[in-house]
Each structure stands twice: as structure tokens, then as C-alpha cells.
């Protein structure tokens, strides 16, 4: 049975929240020296990218300000180039991109829920 795509949107919000919790009170140096946190963050970024791939195009086109393709490509890069991950870029995504993304994804989720009523 195919999973409801609203659940993938929820996965993205949940993953961003987890990442925020994982790196709370950390600076970059602490992050790069903590293997457990790095691995947890990478896994959640991969989940975000995989979830994006399962959200239908008709949903994605309504939110053109969300970089859907970039999120999917990020997942592919992390999954296939794990030996060459640039943690400075990952940190920038965590600190700059995810805080901007979270409210936009929450809005998508709210819109989808209201459509289902």
C-alpha cells in the first residue's frame, strides 16, 4: 500500500526538528568532532531528501519558494558521497537553510490538512 504523501511532509518537519535538537547548544567545532551527532544529522537530511522525492509534483509546484530539487539532490549527494561530505556545508544548511525551510514546509502541511477536510 502506498504511503499517504502528507506523511512525507510530516517527515520533513519532524526531521528538521530532530536536527535542531541534535545540534542545540553546539558550535561548528563541537558538531564536527561529534560522530554520533554528525551521523544522526546526515541520516535526517537523507530522510528529508527522500521524503521530497515522494511528494507529488502537483504539491511541489504550489510552493515554488521551497528548493525541492536541491533537497532531493542533497540526499543523493549525502547517500552516495558519504566519504567526502563537506561538514562546513552541512553546518550552513543546518543553521541557515533549515530555519527558513521549516515554516514553509509547515505551511504545506497545514494546506494539505485543510484540503483533506
PDB file of N, CA and C in Angstrom:
ATOM      1  N   UNK A   1       0.837  -1.183   0.000  1.00  0.00           N
ATOM      2  CA  UNK A   1       0.000   0.000   0.000  1.00  0.00           C
ATOM      3  C   UNK A   1       0.881   1.246   0.000  1.00  0.00           C
ATOM      4  N   UNK A   2       0.541   2.184  -0.859  1.00  0.00           N
ATOM      5  CA  UNK A   2       1.302   3.429  -0.980  1.00  0.00           C
ATOM      6  C   UNK A   2       1.043   4.310   0.231  1.00  0.00           C
ATOM      7  N   UNK A   3       2.097   4.888   0.720  1.00  0.00           N
ATOM      8  CA  UNK A   3       2.021   5.771   1.883  1.00  0.00           C
ATOM      9  C   UNK A   3       1.436   7.124   1.472  1.00  0.00           C
ATOM     10  N   UNK A   4       0.590   7.681   2.303  1.00  0.00           N
ATOM     11  CA  UNK A   4      -0.021   8.991   2.060  1.00  0.00           C
ATOM     12  C   UNK A   4       1.078  10.056   2.015  1.00  0.00           C
ATOM     13  N   UNK A   5       1.074  10.885   0.980  1.00  0.00           N
ATOM     14  CA  UNK A   5       2.166  11.845   0.817  1.00  0.00           C
ATOM     15  C   UNK A   5       2.187  12.927   1.886  1.00  0.00           C
ATOM     16  N   UNK A   6       1.080  13.158   2.556  1.00  0.00           N
ATOM     17  CA  UNK A   6       1.083  14.103   3.681  1.00  0.00           C
ATOM     18  C   UNK A   6       2.054  13.632   4.762  1.00  0.00           C
ATOM     19  N   UNK A   7       2.189  12.327   4.906  1.00  0.00           N
ATOM     20  CA  UNK A   7       3.125  11.782   5.895  1.00  0.00           C
ATOM     21  C   UNK A   7       4.571  12.112   5.548  1.00  0.00           C
ATOM     22  N   UNK A   8       4.880  12.204   4.268  1.00  0.00           N
ATOM     23  CA  UNK A   8       6.235  12.592   3.869  1.00  0.00           C
ATOM     24  C   UNK A   8       6.516  14.043   4.247  1.00  0.00           C
ATOM     25  N   UNK A   9       5.516  14.882   4.110  1.00  0.00           N
ATOM     26  CA  UNK A   9       5.672  16.286   4.516  1.00  0.00           C
ATOM     27  C   UNK A   9       5.901  16.345   6.026  1.00  0.00           C
ATOM     28  N   UNK A  10       5.153  15.539   6.770  1.00  0.00           N
ATOM     29  CA  UNK A  10       5.365  15.461   8.223  1.00  0.00           C
ATOM     30  C   UNK A  10       6.766  14.962   8.548  1.00  0.00           C
ATOM     31  N   UNK A  11       7.271  14.015   7.775  1.00  0.00           N
ATOM     32  CA  UNK A  11       8.634  13.509   7.975  1.00  0.00           C
ATOM     33  C   UNK A  11       9.663  14.631   7.857  1.00  0.00           C
ATOM     34  N   UNK A  12       9.436  15.538   6.921  1.00  0.00           N
ATOM     35  CA  UNK A  12      10.374  16.650   6.733  1.00  0.00           C
ATOM     36  C   UNK A  12      10.367  17.558   7.952  1.00  0.00           C
ATOM     37  N   UNK A  13       9.186  17.933   8.416  1.00  0.00           N
ATOM     38  CA  UNK A  13       9.080  18.790   9.607  1.00  0.00           C
ATOM     39  C   UNK A  13       9.728  18.096  10.801  1.00  0.00           C
ATOM     40  N   UNK A  14       9.427  16.824  10.974  1.00  0.00           N
ATOM     41  CA  UNK A  14       9.983  16.057  12.090  1.00  0.00           C
ATOM     42  C   UNK A  14      11.507  15.982  12.010  1.00  0.00           C
ATOM     43  N   UNK A  15      12.027  15.763  10.820  1.00  0.00           N
ATOM     44  CA  UNK A  15      13.478  15.660  10.655  1.00  0.00           C
ATOM     45  C   UNK A  15      14.172  16.986  10.949  1.00  0.00           C
ATOM     46  N   UNK A  16      13.584  18.083  10.508  1.00  0.00           N
ATOM     47  CA  UNK A  16      14.162  19.396  10.819  1.00  0.00           C
ATOM     48  C   UNK A  16      14.175  19.610  12.325  1.00  0.00           C
ATOM     49  N   UNK A  17      13.095  19.253  12.991  1.00  0.00           N
ATOM     50  CA  UNK A  17      13.015  19.400  14.449  1.00  0.00           C
ATOM     51  C   UNK A  17      14.076  18.549  15.137  1.00  0.00           C
ATOM     52  N   UNK A  18      14.235  17.316  14.696  1.00  0.00           N
ATOM     53  CA  UNK A  18      15.278  16.454  15.269  1.00  0.00           C
ATOM     54  C   UNK A  18      16.662  17.077  15.082  1.00  0.00           C
ATOM     55  N   UNK A  19      16.942  17.560  13.884  1.00  0.00           N
ATOM     56  CA  UNK A  19      18.249  18.168  13.622  1.00  0.00           C
ATOM     57  C   UNK A  19      18.476  19.359  14.545  1.00  0.00           C
ATOM     58  N   UNK A  20      17.456  20.186  14.708  1.00  0.00           N
ATOM     59  CA  UNK A  20      17.582  21.329  15.624  1.00  0.00           C
ATOM     60  C   UNK A  20      17.935  20.860  17.032  1.00  0.00           C
ATOM     61  N   UNK A  21      17.285  19.796  17.468  1.00  0.00           N
ATOM     62  CA  UNK A  21      17.561  19.254  18.802  1.00  0.00           C
ATOM     63  C   UNK A  21      18.961  18.645  18.883  1.00  0.00           C
ATOM     64  N   UNK A  22      19.372  17.946  17.833  1.00  0.00           N
ATOM     65  CA  UNK A  22      20.693  17.309  17.836  1.00  0.00           C
ATOM     66  C   UNK A  22      21.823  18.316  18.004  1.00  0.00           C
ATOM     67  N   UNK A  23      21.690  19.484  17.365  1.00  0.00           N
ATOM     68  CA  UNK A  23      22.795  20.456  17.359  1.00  0.00           C
ATOM     69  C   UNK A  23      22.575  21.620  18.320  1.00  0.00           C
ATOM     70  N   UNK A  24      21.518  21.548  19.108  1.00  0.00           N
ATOM     71  CA  UNK A  24      21.248  22.629  20.065  1.00  0.00           C
ATOM     72  C   UNK A  24      22.469  22.829  20.958  1.00  0.00           C
ATOM     73  N   UNK A  25      22.819  24.065  21.168  1.00  0.00           N
ATOM     74  CA  UNK A  25      23.947  24.444  22.035  1.00  0.00           C
ATOM     75  C   UNK A  25      25.299  23.956  21.532  1.00  0.00           C
ATOM     76  N   UNK A  26      25.397  23.639  20.252  1.00  0.00           N
ATOM     77  CA  UNK A  26      26.681  23.227  19.671  1.00  0.00           C
ATOM     78  C   UNK A  26      27.190  24.332  18.760  1.00  0.00           C
ATOM     79  N   UNK A  27      28.498  24.457  18.695  1.00  0.00           N
ATOM     80  CA  UNK A  27      29.084  25.275  17.644  1.00  0.00           C
ATOM     81  C   UNK A  27      29.639  24.323  16.585  1.00  0.00           C
ATOM     82  N   UNK A  28      30.201  24.878  15.527  1.00  0.00           N
ATOM     83  CA  UNK A  28      30.674  24.047  14.423  1.00  0.00           C
ATOM     84  C   UNK A  28      31.745  23.053  14.863  1.00  0.00           C
ATOM     85  N   UNK A  29      32.671  23.506  15.668  1.00  0.00           N
ATOM     86  CA  UNK A  29      33.760  22.624  16.115  1.00  0.00           C
ATOM     87  C   UNK A  29      33.226  21.440  16.920  1.00  0.00           C
ATOM     88  N   UNK A  30      32.252  21.694  17.773  1.00  0.00           N
ATOM     89  CA  UNK A  30      31.649  20.602  18.546  1.00  0.00           C
ATOM     90  C   UNK A  30      30.921  19.634  17.616  1.00  0.00           C
ATOM     91  N   UNK A  31      30.225  20.194  16.637  1.00  0.00           N
ATOM     92  CA  UNK A  31      29.492  19.371  15.684  1.00  0.00           C
ATOM     93  C   UNK A  31      30.429  18.435  14.926  1.00  0.00           C
ATOM     94  N   UNK A  32      31.497  18.983  14.342  1.00  0.00           N
ATOM     95  CA  UNK A  32      32.371  18.143  13.512  1.00  0.00           C
ATOM     96  C   UNK A  32      33.159  17.123  14.318  1.00  0.00           C
ATOM     97  N   UNK A  33      33.280  17.345  15.607  1.00  0.00           N
ATOM     98  CA  UNK A  33      34.018  16.378  16.425  1.00  0.00           C
ATOM     99  C   UNK A  33      33.101  15.332  17.072  1.00  0.00           C
ATOM    100  N   UNK A  34      31.800  15.435  16.847  1.00  0.00           N
ATOM    101  CA  UNK A  34      30.832  14.516  17.450  1.00  0.00           C
ATOM    102  C   UNK A  34      30.265  13.582  16.370  1.00  0.00           C
ATOM    103  N   UNK A  35      30.859  12.407  16.255  1.00  0.00           N
ATOM    104  CA  UNK A  35      30.460  11.459  15.207  1.00  0.00           C
ATOM    105  C   UNK A  35      28.991  11.056  15.294  1.00  0.00           C
ATOM    106  N   UNK A  36      28.512  10.851  16.503  1.00  0.00           N
ATOM    107  CA  UNK A  36      27.119  10.424  16.672  1.00  0.00           C
ATOM    108  C   UNK A  36      26.159  11.495  16.145  1.00  0.00           C
ATOM    109  N   UNK A  37      26.435  12.746  16.482  1.00  0.00           N
ATOM    110  CA  UNK A  37      25.572  13.834  16.024  1.00  0.00           C
ATOM    111  C   UNK A  37      25.673  14.004  14.512  1.00  0.00           C
ATOM    112  N   UNK A  38      26.876  13.951  13.979  1.00  0.00           N
ATOM    113  CA  UNK A  38      27.034  14.075  12.524  1.00  0.00           C
ATOM    114  C   UNK A  38      26.247  12.985  11.805  1.00  0.00           C
ATOM    115  N   UNK A  39      26.365  11.757  12.276  1.00  0.00           N
ATOM    116  CA  UNK A  39      25.649  10.652  11.638  1.00  0.00           C
ATOM    117  C   UNK A  39      24.140  10.817  11.743  1.00  0.00           C
ATOM    118  N   UNK A  40      23.668  11.268  12.889  1.00  0.00           N
ATOM    119  CA  UNK A  40      22.227  11.477  13.076  1.00  0.00           C
ATOM    120  C   UNK A  40      21.716  12.586  12.161  1.00  0.00           C
ATOM    121  N   UNK A  41      22.470  13.665  12.053  1.00  0.00           N
ATOM    122  CA  UNK A  41      22.076  14.781  11.187  1.00  0.00           C
ATOM    123  C   UNK A  41      22.054  14.337   9.727  1.00  0.00           C
ATOM    124  N   UNK A  42      23.099  13.645   9.294  1.00  0.00           N
ATOM    125  CA  UNK A  42      23.158  13.180   7.903  1.00  0.00           C
ATOM    126  C   UNK A  42      21.976  12.268   7.596  1.00  0.00           C
ATOM    127  N   UNK A  43      21.657  11.364   8.503  1.00  0.00           N
ATOM    128  CA  UNK A  43      20.512  10.473   8.297  1.00  0.00           C
ATOM    129  C   UNK A  43      19.225  11.270   8.132  1.00  0.00           C
ATOM    130  N   UNK A  44      19.032  12.274   8.979  1.00  0.00           N
ATOM    131  CA  UNK A  44      17.811  13.083   8.893  1.00  0.00           C
ATOM    132  C   UNK A  44      17.778  13.938   7.629  1.00  0.00           C
ATOM    133  N   UNK A  45      18.920  14.420   7.169  1.00  0.00           N
ATOM    134  CA  UNK A  45      18.957  15.154   5.903  1.00  0.00           C
ATOM    135  C   UNK A  45      18.626  14.221   4.740  1.00  0.00           C
ATOM    136  N   UNK A  46      19.084  12.982   4.819  1.00  0.00           N
ATOM    137  CA  UNK A  46      18.736  11.993   3.797  1.00  0.00           C
ATOM    138  C   UNK A  46      17.234  11.711   3.807  1.00  0.00           C
ATOM    139  N   UNK A  47      16.650  11.624   4.992  1.00  0.00           N
ATOM    140  CA  UNK A  47      15.202  11.402   5.105  1.00  0.00           C
ATOM    141  C   UNK A  47      14.444  12.560   4.471  1.00  0.00           C
ATOM    142  N   UNK A  48      14.905  13.787   4.719  1.00  0.00           N
ATOM    143  CA  UNK A  48      14.261  14.958   4.109  1.00  0.00           C
ATOM    144  C   UNK A  48      14.284  14.823   2.587  1.00  0.00           C
ATOM    145  N   UNK A  49      15.443  14.517   2.037  1.00  0.00           N
ATOM    146  CA  UNK A  49      15.562  14.390   0.584  1.00  0.00           C
ATOM    147  C   UNK A  49      14.732  13.263   0.010  1.00  0.00           C
ATOM    148  N   UNK A  50      14.687  12.152   0.704  1.00  0.00           N
ATOM    149  CA  UNK A  50      13.881  11.015   0.250  1.00  0.00           C
ATOM    150  C   UNK A  50      12.392  11.340   0.336  1.00  0.00           C
ATOM    151  N   UNK A  51      11.995  12.020   1.394  1.00  0.00           N
ATOM    152  CA  UNK A  51      10.591  12.415   1.543  1.00  0.00           C
ATOM    153  C   UNK A  51      10.170  13.337   0.405  1.00  0.00           C
ATOM    154  N   UNK A  52      11.034  14.286   0.061  1.00  0.00           N
ATOM    155  CA  UNK A  52      10.743  15.218  -1.034  1.00  0.00           C
ATOM    156  C   UNK A  52      10.432  14.455  -2.318  1.00  0.00           C
ATOM    157  N   UNK A  53      11.193  13.413  -2.582  1.00  0.00           N
ATOM    158  CA  UNK A  53      11.005  12.637  -3.810  1.00  0.00           C
ATOM    159  C   UNK A  53       9.643  11.950  -3.857  1.00  0.00           C
ATOM    160  N   UNK A  54       8.999  11.798  -2.719  1.00  0.00           N
ATOM    161  CA  UNK A  54       7.701  11.122  -2.653  1.00  0.00           C
ATOM    162  C   UNK A  54       6.521  12.080  -2.565  1.00  0.00           C
ATOM    163  N   UNK A  55       6.805  13.368  -2.630  1.00  0.00           N
ATOM    164  CA  UNK A  55       5.740  14.372  -2.626  1.00  0.00           C
ATOM    165  C   UNK A  55       5.397  14.669  -4.083  1.00  0.00           C
ATOM    166  N   UNK A  56       4.135  14.521  -4.461  1.00  0.00           N
ATOM    167  CA  UNK A  56       3.758  14.690  -5.868  1.00  0.00           C
ATOM    168  C   UNK A  56       4.099  16.083  -6.414  1.00  0.00           C
ATOM    169  N   UNK A  57       4.375  16.099  -7.701  1.00  0.00           N
ATOM    170  CA  UNK A  57       4.718  17.345  -8.386  1.00  0.00           C
ATOM    171  C   UNK A  57       3.623  18.395  -8.222  1.00  0.00           C
ATOM    172  N   UNK A  58       2.361  17.985  -8.244  1.00  0.00           N
ATOM    173  CA  UNK A  58       1.271  18.959  -8.129  1.00  0.00           C
ATOM    174  C   UNK A  58       1.271  19.655  -6.772  1.00  0.00           C
ATOM    175  N   UNK A  59       1.849  19.043  -5.768  1.00  0.00           N
ATOM    176  CA  UNK A  59       2.001  19.687  -4.454  1.00  0.00           C
ATOM    177  C   UNK A  59       3.218  20.603  -4.479  1.00  0.00           C
ATOM    178  N   UNK A  60       4.301  20.121  -5.052  1.00  0.00           N
ATOM    179  CA  UNK A  60       5.548  20.899  -5.072  1.00  0.00           C
ATOM    180  C   UNK A  60       5.426  22.186  -5.878  1.00  0.00           C
ATOM    181  N   UNK A  61       4.694  22.153  -6.981  1.00  0.00           N
ATOM    182  CA  UNK A  61       4.602  23.357  -7.823  1.00  0.00           C
ATOM    183  C   UNK A  61       3.856  24.492  -7.139  1.00  0.00           C
ATOM    184  N   UNK A  62       3.053  24.165  -6.159  1.00  0.00           N
ATOM    185  CA  UNK A  62       2.324  25.217  -5.428  1.00  0.00           C
ATOM    186  C   UNK A  62       3.232  26.013  -4.505  1.00  0.00           C
ATOM    187  N   UNK A  63       4.369  25.462  -4.159  1.00  0.00           N
ATOM    188  CA  UNK A  63       5.322  26.126  -3.261  1.00  0.00           C
ATOM    189  C   UNK A  63       6.653  26.278  -3.987  1.00  0.00           C
ATOM    190  N   UNK A  64       6.698  27.229  -4.900  1.00  0.00           N
ATOM    191  CA  UNK A  64       7.898  27.427  -5.714  1.00  0.00           C
ATOM    192  C   UNK A  64       9.072  27.986  -4.921  1.00  0.00           C
ATOM    193  N   UNK A  65       8.808  28.550  -3.745  1.00  0.00           N
ATOM    194  CA  UNK A  65       9.897  29.114  -2.939  1.00  0.00           C
ATOM    195  C   UNK A  65      10.615  28.053  -2.098  1.00  0.00           C
ATOM    196  N   UNK A  66      10.169  26.812  -2.178  1.00  0.00           N
ATOM    197  CA  UNK A  66      10.856  25.707  -1.494  1.00  0.00           C
ATOM    198  C   UNK A  66      11.774  25.037  -2.519  1.00  0.00           C
ATOM    199  N   UNK A  67      13.055  24.888  -2.195  1.00  0.00           N
ATOM    200  CA  UNK A  67      14.004  24.300  -3.154  1.00  0.00           C
ATOM    201  C   UNK A  67      13.910  22.769  -3.201  1.00  0.00           C
ATOM    202  N   UNK A  68      12.788  22.260  -3.684  1.00  0.00           N
ATOM    203  CA  UNK A  68      12.522  20.825  -3.690  1.00  0.00           C
ATOM    204  C   UNK A  68      13.650  20.027  -4.341  1.00  0.00           C
ATOM    205  N   UNK A  69      14.074  20.460  -5.521  1.00  0.00           N
ATOM    206  CA  UNK A  69      15.123  19.730  -6.248  1.00  0.00           C
ATOM    207  C   UNK A  69      16.441  19.738  -5.494  1.00  0.00           C
ATOM    208  N   UNK A  70      16.771  20.870  -4.890  1.00  0.00           N
ATOM    209  CA  UNK A  70      18.011  20.958  -4.104  1.00  0.00           C
ATOM    210  C   UNK A  70      17.984  19.979  -2.935  1.00  0.00           C
ATOM    211  N   UNK A  71      16.828  19.856  -2.299  1.00  0.00           N
ATOM    212  CA  UNK A  71      16.700  18.940  -1.163  1.00  0.00           C
ATOM    213  C   UNK A  71      16.893  17.492  -1.609  1.00  0.00           C
ATOM    214  N   UNK A  72      16.323  17.149  -2.749  1.00  0.00           N
ATOM    215  CA  UNK A  72      16.477  15.787  -3.271  1.00  0.00           C
ATOM    216  C   UNK A  72      17.928  15.524  -3.676  1.00  0.00           C
ATOM    217  N   UNK A  73      18.562  16.500  -4.323  1.00  0.00           N
ATOM    218  CA  UNK A  73      19.964  16.337  -4.727  1.00  0.00           C
ATOM    219  C   UNK A  73      20.884  16.229  -3.517  1.00  0.00           C
ATOM    220  N   UNK A  74      20.558  16.981  -2.462  1.00  0.00           N
ATOM    221  CA  UNK A  74      21.359  16.912  -1.244  1.00  0.00           C
ATOM    222  C   UNK A  74      21.343  15.483  -0.701  1.00  0.00           C
ATOM    223  N   UNK A  75      20.183  14.862  -0.697  1.00  0.00           N
ATOM    224  CA  UNK A  75      20.056  13.482  -0.223  1.00  0.00           C
ATOM    225  C   UNK A  75      20.940  12.550  -1.043  1.00  0.00           C
ATOM    226  N   UNK A  76      20.886  12.710  -2.364  1.00  0.00           N
ATOM    227  CA  UNK A  76      21.684  11.850  -3.236  1.00  0.00           C
ATOM    228  C   UNK A  76      23.175  12.039  -2.975  1.00  0.00           C
ATOM    229  N   UNK A  77      23.578  13.269  -2.820  1.00  0.00           N
ATOM    230  CA  UNK A  77      24.994  13.563  -2.572  1.00  0.00           C
ATOM    231  C   UNK A  77      25.444  12.959  -1.241  1.00  0.00           C
ATOM    232  N   UNK A  78      24.641  13.117  -0.203  1.00  0.00           N
ATOM    233  CA  UNK A  78      24.995  12.572   1.111  1.00  0.00           C
ATOM    234  C   UNK A  78      25.031  11.045   1.092  1.00  0.00           C
ATOM    235  N   UNK A  79      24.076  10.447   0.410  1.00  0.00           N
ATOM    236  CA  UNK A  79      23.980   8.987   0.390  1.00  0.00           C
ATOM    237  C   UNK A  79      25.081   8.347  -0.450  1.00  0.00           C
ATOM    238  N   UNK A  80      25.478   9.009  -1.530  1.00  0.00           N
ATOM    239  CA  UNK A  80      26.415   8.386  -2.459  1.00  0.00           C
ATOM    240  C   UNK A  80      27.849   8.888  -2.331  1.00  0.00           C
ATOM    241  N   UNK A  81      28.034   9.991  -1.646  1.00  0.00           N
ATOM    242  CA  UNK A  81      29.383  10.534  -1.477  1.00  0.00           C
ATOM    243  C   UNK A  81      29.708  10.699   0.000  1.00  0.00           C
ATOM    244  N   UNK A  82      29.290   9.721   0.790  1.00  0.00           N
ATOM    245  CA  UNK A  82      29.459   9.794   2.240  1.00  0.00           C
ATOM    246  C   UNK A  82      30.915   9.951   2.663  1.00  0.00           C
ATOM    247  N   UNK A  83      31.844   9.510   1.834  1.00  0.00           N
ATOM    248  CA  UNK A  83      33.267   9.604   2.171  1.00  0.00           C
ATOM    249  C   UNK A  83      33.819  11.007   1.950  1.00  0.00           C
ATOM    250  N   UNK A  84      33.059  11.861   1.286  1.00  0.00           N
ATOM    251  CA  UNK A  84      33.550  13.211   1.002  1.00  0.00           C
ATOM    252  C   UNK A  84      32.592  14.294   1.444  1.00  0.00           C
ATOM    253  N   UNK A  85      31.876  14.064   2.524  1.00  0.00           N
ATOM    254  CA  UNK A  85      30.892  15.045   2.997  1.00  0.00           C
ATOM    255  C   UNK A  85      31.608  16.296   3.483  1.00  0.00           C
ATOM    256  N   UNK A  86      31.141  17.432   3.021  1.00  0.00           N
ATOM    257  CA  UNK A  86      31.680  18.724   3.462  1.00  0.00           C
ATOM    258  C   UNK A  86      30.823  19.197   4.634  1.00  0.00           C
ATOM    259  N   UNK A  87      31.338  19.023   5.827  1.00  0.00           N
ATOM    260  CA  UNK A  87      30.561  19.356   7.019  1.00  0.00           C
ATOM    261  C   UNK A  87      30.382  20.853   7.211  1.00  0.00           C
ATOM    262  N   UNK A  88      31.230  21.666   6.597  1.00  0.00           N
ATOM    263  CA  UNK A  88      31.002  23.108   6.637  1.00  0.00           C
ATOM    264  C   UNK A  88      29.725  23.461   5.877  1.00  0.00           C
ATOM    265  N   UNK A  89      29.482  22.771   4.770  1.00  0.00           N
ATOM    266  CA  UNK A  89      28.252  23.000   4.007  1.00  0.00           C
ATOM    267  C   UNK A  89      27.052  22.456   4.770  1.00  0.00           C
ATOM    268  N   UNK A  90      27.195  21.278   5.355  1.00  0.00           N
ATOM    269  CA  UNK A  90      26.111  20.703   6.165  1.00  0.00           C
ATOM    270  C   UNK A  90      25.749  21.668   7.290  1.00  0.00           C
ATOM    271  N   UNK A  91      26.741  22.226   7.950  1.00  0.00           N
ATOM    272  CA  UNK A  91      26.502  23.158   9.055  1.00  0.00           C
ATOM    273  C   UNK A  91      25.755  24.398   8.567  1.00  0.00           C
ATOM    274  N   UNK A  92      26.148  24.903   7.400  1.00  0.00           N
ATOM    275  CA  UNK A  92      25.463  26.073   6.834  1.00  0.00           C
ATOM    276  C   UNK A  92      24.000  25.744   6.536  1.00  0.00           C
ATOM    277  N   UNK A  93      23.758  24.552   6.017  1.00  0.00           N
ATOM    278  CA  UNK A  93      22.376  24.114   5.764  1.00  0.00           C
ATOM    279  C   UNK A  93      21.597  24.077   7.076  1.00  0.00           C
ATOM    280  N   UNK A  94      22.207  23.500   8.107  1.00  0.00           N
ATOM    281  CA  UNK A  94      21.550  23.382   9.415  1.00  0.00           C
ATOM    282  C   UNK A  94      21.199  24.752   9.979  1.00  0.00           C
ATOM    283  N   UNK A  95      22.139  25.661   9.923  1.00  0.00           N
ATOM    284  CA  UNK A  95      21.980  26.951  10.601  1.00  0.00           C
ATOM    285  C   UNK A  95      21.274  28.015   9.769  1.00  0.00           C
ATOM    286  N   UNK A  96      21.384  27.928   8.437  1.00  0.00           N
ATOM    287  CA  UNK A  96      20.813  28.981   7.597  1.00  0.00           C
ATOM    288  C   UNK A  96      19.588  28.529   6.796  1.00  0.00           C
ATOM    289  N   UNK A  97      19.663  27.355   6.212  1.00  0.00           N
ATOM    290  CA  UNK A  97      18.601  26.910   5.299  1.00  0.00           C
ATOM    291  C   UNK A  97      17.419  26.259   6.012  1.00  0.00           C
ATOM    292  N   UNK A  98      17.703  25.372   6.966  1.00  0.00           N
ATOM    293  CA  UNK A  98      16.606  24.667   7.638  1.00  0.00           C
ATOM    294  C   UNK A  98      15.682  25.602   8.417  1.00  0.00           C
ATOM    295  N   UNK A  99      16.202  26.623   9.114  1.00  0.00           N
ATOM    296  CA  UNK A  99      15.283  27.537   9.807  1.00  0.00           C
ATOM    297  C   UNK A  99      14.350  28.288   8.848  1.00  0.00           C
ATOM    298  N   UNK A 100      14.808  28.541   7.623  1.00  0.00           N
ATOM    299  CA  UNK A 100      13.952  29.184   6.618  1.00  0.00           C
ATOM    300  C   UNK A 100      12.964  28.187   6.022  1.00  0.00           C
ATOM    301  N   UNK A 101      13.391  26.944   5.919  1.00  0.00           N
ATOM    302  CA  UNK A 101      12.572  25.905   5.295  1.00  0.00           C
ATOM    303  C   UNK A 101      11.420  25.444   6.185  1.00  0.00           C
ATOM    304  N   UNK A 102      11.669  25.337   7.467  1.00  0.00           N
ATOM    305  CA  UNK A 102      10.685  24.739   8.376  1.00  0.00           C
ATOM    306  C   UNK A 102       9.311  25.405   8.315  1.00  0.00           C
ATOM    307  N   UNK A 103       9.198  26.739   8.417  1.00  0.00           N
ATOM    308  CA  UNK A 103       7.853  27.329   8.355  1.00  0.00           C
ATOM    309  C   UNK A 103       7.172  27.128   7.000  1.00  0.00           C
ATOM    310  N   UNK A 104       7.943  27.076   5.938  1.00  0.00           N
ATOM    311  CA  UNK A 104       7.363  26.851   4.609  1.00  0.00           C
ATOM    312  C   UNK A 104       6.792  25.440   4.500  1.00  0.00           C
ATOM    313  N   UNK A 105       7.521  24.467   5.026  1.00  0.00           N
ATOM    314  CA  UNK A 105       7.045  23.077   4.995  1.00  0.00           C
ATOM    315  C   UNK A 105       5.834  22.916   5.913  1.00  0.00           C
ATOM    316  N   UNK A 106       5.862  23.590   7.066  1.00  0.00           N
ATOM    317  CA  UNK A 106       4.696  23.543   7.958  1.00  0.00           C
ATOM    318  C   UNK A 106       3.464  24.104   7.264  1.00  0.00           C
ATOM    319  N   UNK A 107       3.650  25.142   6.460  1.00  0.00           N
ATOM    320  CA  UNK A 107       2.534  25.737   5.716  1.00  0.00           C
ATOM    321  C   UNK A 107       1.997  24.735   4.695  1.00  0.00           C
ATOM    322  N   UNK A 108       2.872  24.038   4.018  1.00  0.00           N
ATOM    323  CA  UNK A 108       2.440  23.000   3.074  1.00  0.00           C
ATOM    324  C   UNK A 108       1.599  21.960   3.808  1.00  0.00           C
ATOM    325  N   UNK A 109       2.066  21.541   4.973  1.00  0.00           N
ATOM    326  CA  UNK A 109       1.349  20.541   5.762  1.00  0.00           C
ATOM    327  C   UNK A 109      -0.027  21.054   6.177  1.00  0.00           C
ATOM    328  N   UNK A 110      -0.086  22.290   6.648  1.00  0.00           N
ATOM    329  CA  UNK A 110      -1.373  22.883   7.036  1.00  0.00           C
ATOM    330  C   UNK A 110      -2.325  22.945   5.847  1.00  0.00           C
ATOM    331  N   UNK A 111      -1.819  23.369   4.696  1.00  0.00           N
ATOM    332  CA  UNK A 111      -2.652  23.453   3.495  1.00  0.00           C
ATOM    333  C   UNK A 111      -3.186  22.079   3.098  1.00  0.00           C
ATOM    334  N   UNK A 112      -2.333  21.073   3.156  1.00  0.00           N
ATOM    335  CA  UNK A 112      -2.765  19.719   2.800  1.00  0.00           C
ATOM    336  C   UNK A 112      -3.822  19.199   3.766  1.00  0.00           C
ATOM    337  N   UNK A 113      -3.630  19.470   5.048  1.00  0.00           N
ATOM    338  CA  UNK A 113      -4.611  19.025   6.046  1.00  0.00           C
ATOM    339  C   UNK A 113      -5.952  19.713   5.836  1.00  0.00           C
ATOM    340  N   UNK A 114      -5.928  21.003   5.522  1.00  0.00           N
ATOM    341  CA  UNK A 114      -7.194  21.718   5.322  1.00  0.00           C
ATOM    342  C   UNK A 114      -7.895  21.249   4.048  1.00  0.00           C
ATOM    343  N   UNK A 115      -7.132  20.840   3.041  1.00  0.00           N
ATOM    344  CA  UNK A 115      -7.722  20.298   1.813  1.00  0.00           C
ATOM    345  C   UNK A 115      -8.392  18.952   2.056  1.00  0.00           C
ATOM    346  N   UNK A 116      -7.884  18.198   3.017  1.00  0.00           N
ATOM    347  CA  UNK A 116      -8.421  16.868   3.292  1.00  0.00           C
ATOM    348  C   UNK A 116      -9.709  16.916   4.092  1.00  0.00           C
ATOM    349  N   UNK A 117     -10.033  18.064   4.642  1.00  0.00           N
ATOM    350  CA  UNK A 117     -11.255  18.168   5.458  1.00  0.00           C
ATOM    351  C   UNK A 117     -12.489  18.233   4.607  1.00  0.00           C
TER     352      UNK A 117
END
